[in-house]
Each structure stands twice: as C-alpha cells, then as structure tokens.
C-alpha cells in the first residue's frame, strides 16, 4: 500500500492550546465562539485515572460549574479524542482536571498534574 501526503489548504484545526499543569485550577482556552475537534490527555499518575471537565467559558468559573463534556483517561495513559464533525461552543472553552467523575466540592486534584492539548478553530 502506498502512502500519500496532501497539504491542506484549509486546515481543520487552526489553534492548538497546551497546558502541561492541568489540575483543579479552572483554565480558559478560548473566550469566543469556537469549534472543538480534538482533545489529548497525558496522565502520568501511576494509580489515578483523571477526568477532564470541559464547559462553556463564562468568566470566573469555578470547579462547581456544570461541565458540558467530560473526558476520561486511565492511569499512566495517553488518551486521544477526535470529533470529526466538531463540537461548537458559543462562549469559549474552560476546563479543569480531577480524579473525580463529578464536579463540585467532591472534585479532587490529581497527585501529579496532567498534560492537556486542545485543537480547535475560532
């Protein structure tokens, strides 16, 4: 089978954001209408799974904010999520990483921060 490489004149992802210290701190990735296409999570924790909580950017968001999407990554694993059709978020993207599936006061920080990468267009 032959391999073919094609240069995209209109790339799917125009912005990549990297956070190498994701934890319970709510981070803002974008503050305007955007379409999310990819999420990468690198979890260095040997015994803890992590959950990436993603929600609409509302400014001054806190861990208790209701997430719209949650991505799971087992211990000592790199996880990749792709959304070929994209997911439109009208107010931008905020997120945090936790060892808890639920949000709010039950959220616990991972022992070691995780690396998160987002691929989207504005």
Protein backbone atom coordinates (compact mmCIF):
# COMPACT_ATOMS: atom_id res chain seq x y z
CA UNK A 1 0.00 0.00 0.00
CA UNK A 2 1.35 3.41 -0.97
CA UNK A 3 1.42 6.37 1.38
CA UNK A 4 0.18 9.73 0.13
CA UNK A 5 0.73 13.10 1.78
CA UNK A 6 -1.52 16.02 0.95
CA UNK A 7 -1.15 19.61 2.10
CA UNK A 8 -4.39 21.04 3.44
CA UNK A 9 -5.23 24.48 2.09
CA UNK A 10 -7.99 24.88 4.68
CA UNK A 11 -6.85 23.10 7.86
CA UNK A 12 -9.45 21.62 10.21
CA UNK A 13 -7.64 22.86 13.35
CA UNK A 14 -6.27 26.39 13.38
CA UNK A 15 -5.44 26.74 17.09
CA UNK A 16 -3.70 24.33 19.45
CA UNK A 17 -3.57 25.08 23.18
CA UNK A 18 -1.27 23.13 25.52
CA UNK A 19 -1.49 23.04 29.32
CA UNK A 20 1.24 20.94 30.94
CA UNK A 21 -0.01 21.53 34.50
CA UNK A 22 -3.73 20.77 34.39
CA UNK A 23 -5.32 20.24 37.81
CA UNK A 24 -8.26 21.71 39.77
CA UNK A 25 -7.41 25.22 38.58
CA UNK A 26 -10.04 26.30 36.04
CA UNK A 27 -8.25 27.37 32.86
CA UNK A 28 -9.67 29.33 29.93
CA UNK A 29 -8.79 28.04 26.48
CA UNK A 30 -10.94 30.37 24.37
CA UNK A 31 -13.34 33.22 25.13
CA UNK A 32 -15.30 33.33 21.88
CA UNK A 33 -17.31 31.07 19.60
CA UNK A 34 -15.14 28.11 18.57
CA UNK A 35 -15.37 24.55 17.26
CA UNK A 36 -13.53 21.85 19.20
CA UNK A 37 -12.07 18.98 17.12
CA UNK A 38 -9.50 17.23 19.32
CA UNK A 39 -8.52 16.68 22.94
CA UNK A 40 -5.33 14.96 24.11
CA UNK A 41 -4.71 13.98 27.74
CA UNK A 42 -1.41 12.63 29.09
CA UNK A 43 -1.90 11.18 32.57
CA UNK A 44 1.41 10.50 34.39
CA UNK A 45 -0.28 9.25 37.58
CA UNK A 46 0.52 5.58 38.20
CA UNK A 47 -2.62 4.75 40.18
CA UNK A 48 -5.13 7.52 39.42
CA UNK A 49 -7.44 7.93 36.48
CA UNK A 50 -8.25 11.53 35.56
CA UNK A 51 -11.33 13.25 34.23
CA UNK A 52 -11.08 16.36 32.09
CA UNK A 53 -14.12 18.55 32.74
CA UNK A 54 -14.89 20.92 29.84
CA UNK A 55 -17.55 23.62 29.94
CA UNK A 56 -18.67 26.86 28.32
CA UNK A 57 -16.49 29.80 29.27
CA UNK A 58 -18.47 32.14 31.46
CA UNK A 59 -15.63 34.02 33.14
CA UNK A 60 -14.62 33.47 36.75
CA UNK A 61 -15.77 29.86 36.54
CA UNK A 62 -15.21 27.53 39.44
CA UNK A 63 -14.88 23.78 39.85
CA UNK A 64 -18.54 23.57 40.84
CA UNK A 65 -19.64 24.78 37.38
CA UNK A 66 -21.60 22.20 35.41
CA UNK A 67 -19.40 20.67 32.71
CA UNK A 68 -20.82 20.02 29.25
CA UNK A 69 -18.28 17.33 28.38
CA UNK A 70 -16.10 15.00 30.42
CA UNK A 71 -13.14 13.05 29.03
CA UNK A 72 -11.70 10.04 30.88
CA UNK A 73 -8.05 8.92 30.88
CA UNK A 74 -6.84 5.85 32.84
CA UNK A 75 -3.70 5.89 35.00
CA UNK A 76 -0.33 6.05 33.18
CA UNK A 77 -2.01 6.52 29.81
CA UNK A 78 -2.22 8.98 26.94
CA UNK A 79 -5.74 9.42 25.60
CA UNK A 80 -6.85 10.96 22.32
CA UNK A 81 -10.37 12.14 21.49
CA UNK A 82 -11.30 13.30 17.98
CA UNK A 83 -14.56 14.90 16.87
CA UNK A 84 -14.50 14.93 13.04
CA UNK A 85 -17.70 17.00 12.79
CA UNK A 86 -16.51 19.31 15.56
CA UNK A 87 -18.36 20.49 18.64
CA UNK A 88 -19.37 24.15 18.59
CA UNK A 89 -19.04 26.06 21.84
CA UNK A 90 -20.54 29.54 21.60
CA UNK A 91 -18.91 31.21 24.60
CA UNK A 92 -15.42 29.66 24.53
CA UNK A 93 -13.87 26.79 26.49
CA UNK A 94 -12.86 26.40 30.13
CA UNK A 95 -11.64 23.20 31.80
CA UNK A 96 -10.04 21.53 34.80
CA UNK A 97 -8.65 18.07 35.57
CA UNK A 98 -9.77 15.94 38.51
CA UNK A 99 -9.64 12.37 39.77
CA UNK A 100 -13.40 12.62 40.38
CA UNK A 101 -16.02 11.98 37.72
CA UNK A 102 -18.42 14.50 39.27
CA UNK A 103 -17.88 18.19 39.70
CA UNK A 104 -18.34 20.44 42.68
CA UNK A 105 -16.90 20.07 46.14
CA UNK A 106 -16.24 16.35 45.58
CA UNK A 107 -13.60 17.14 42.94
CA UNK A 108 -10.07 16.09 43.92
CA UNK A 109 -6.82 17.12 42.30
CA UNK A 110 -4.58 14.55 40.62
CA UNK A 111 -1.39 13.78 42.55
CA UNK A 112 0.66 14.86 39.52
CA UNK A 113 -0.67 17.46 37.09
CA UNK A 114 -1.70 16.15 33.68
CA UNK A 115 -0.92 17.49 30.23
CA UNK A 116 -3.89 18.56 28.12
CA UNK A 117 -3.95 19.69 24.50
CA UNK A 118 -6.96 21.15 22.64
CA UNK A 119 -7.30 21.52 18.87
CA UNK A 120 -10.00 23.94 17.66
CA UNK A 121 -10.92 26.72 15.25
CA UNK A 122 -12.13 30.19 16.23
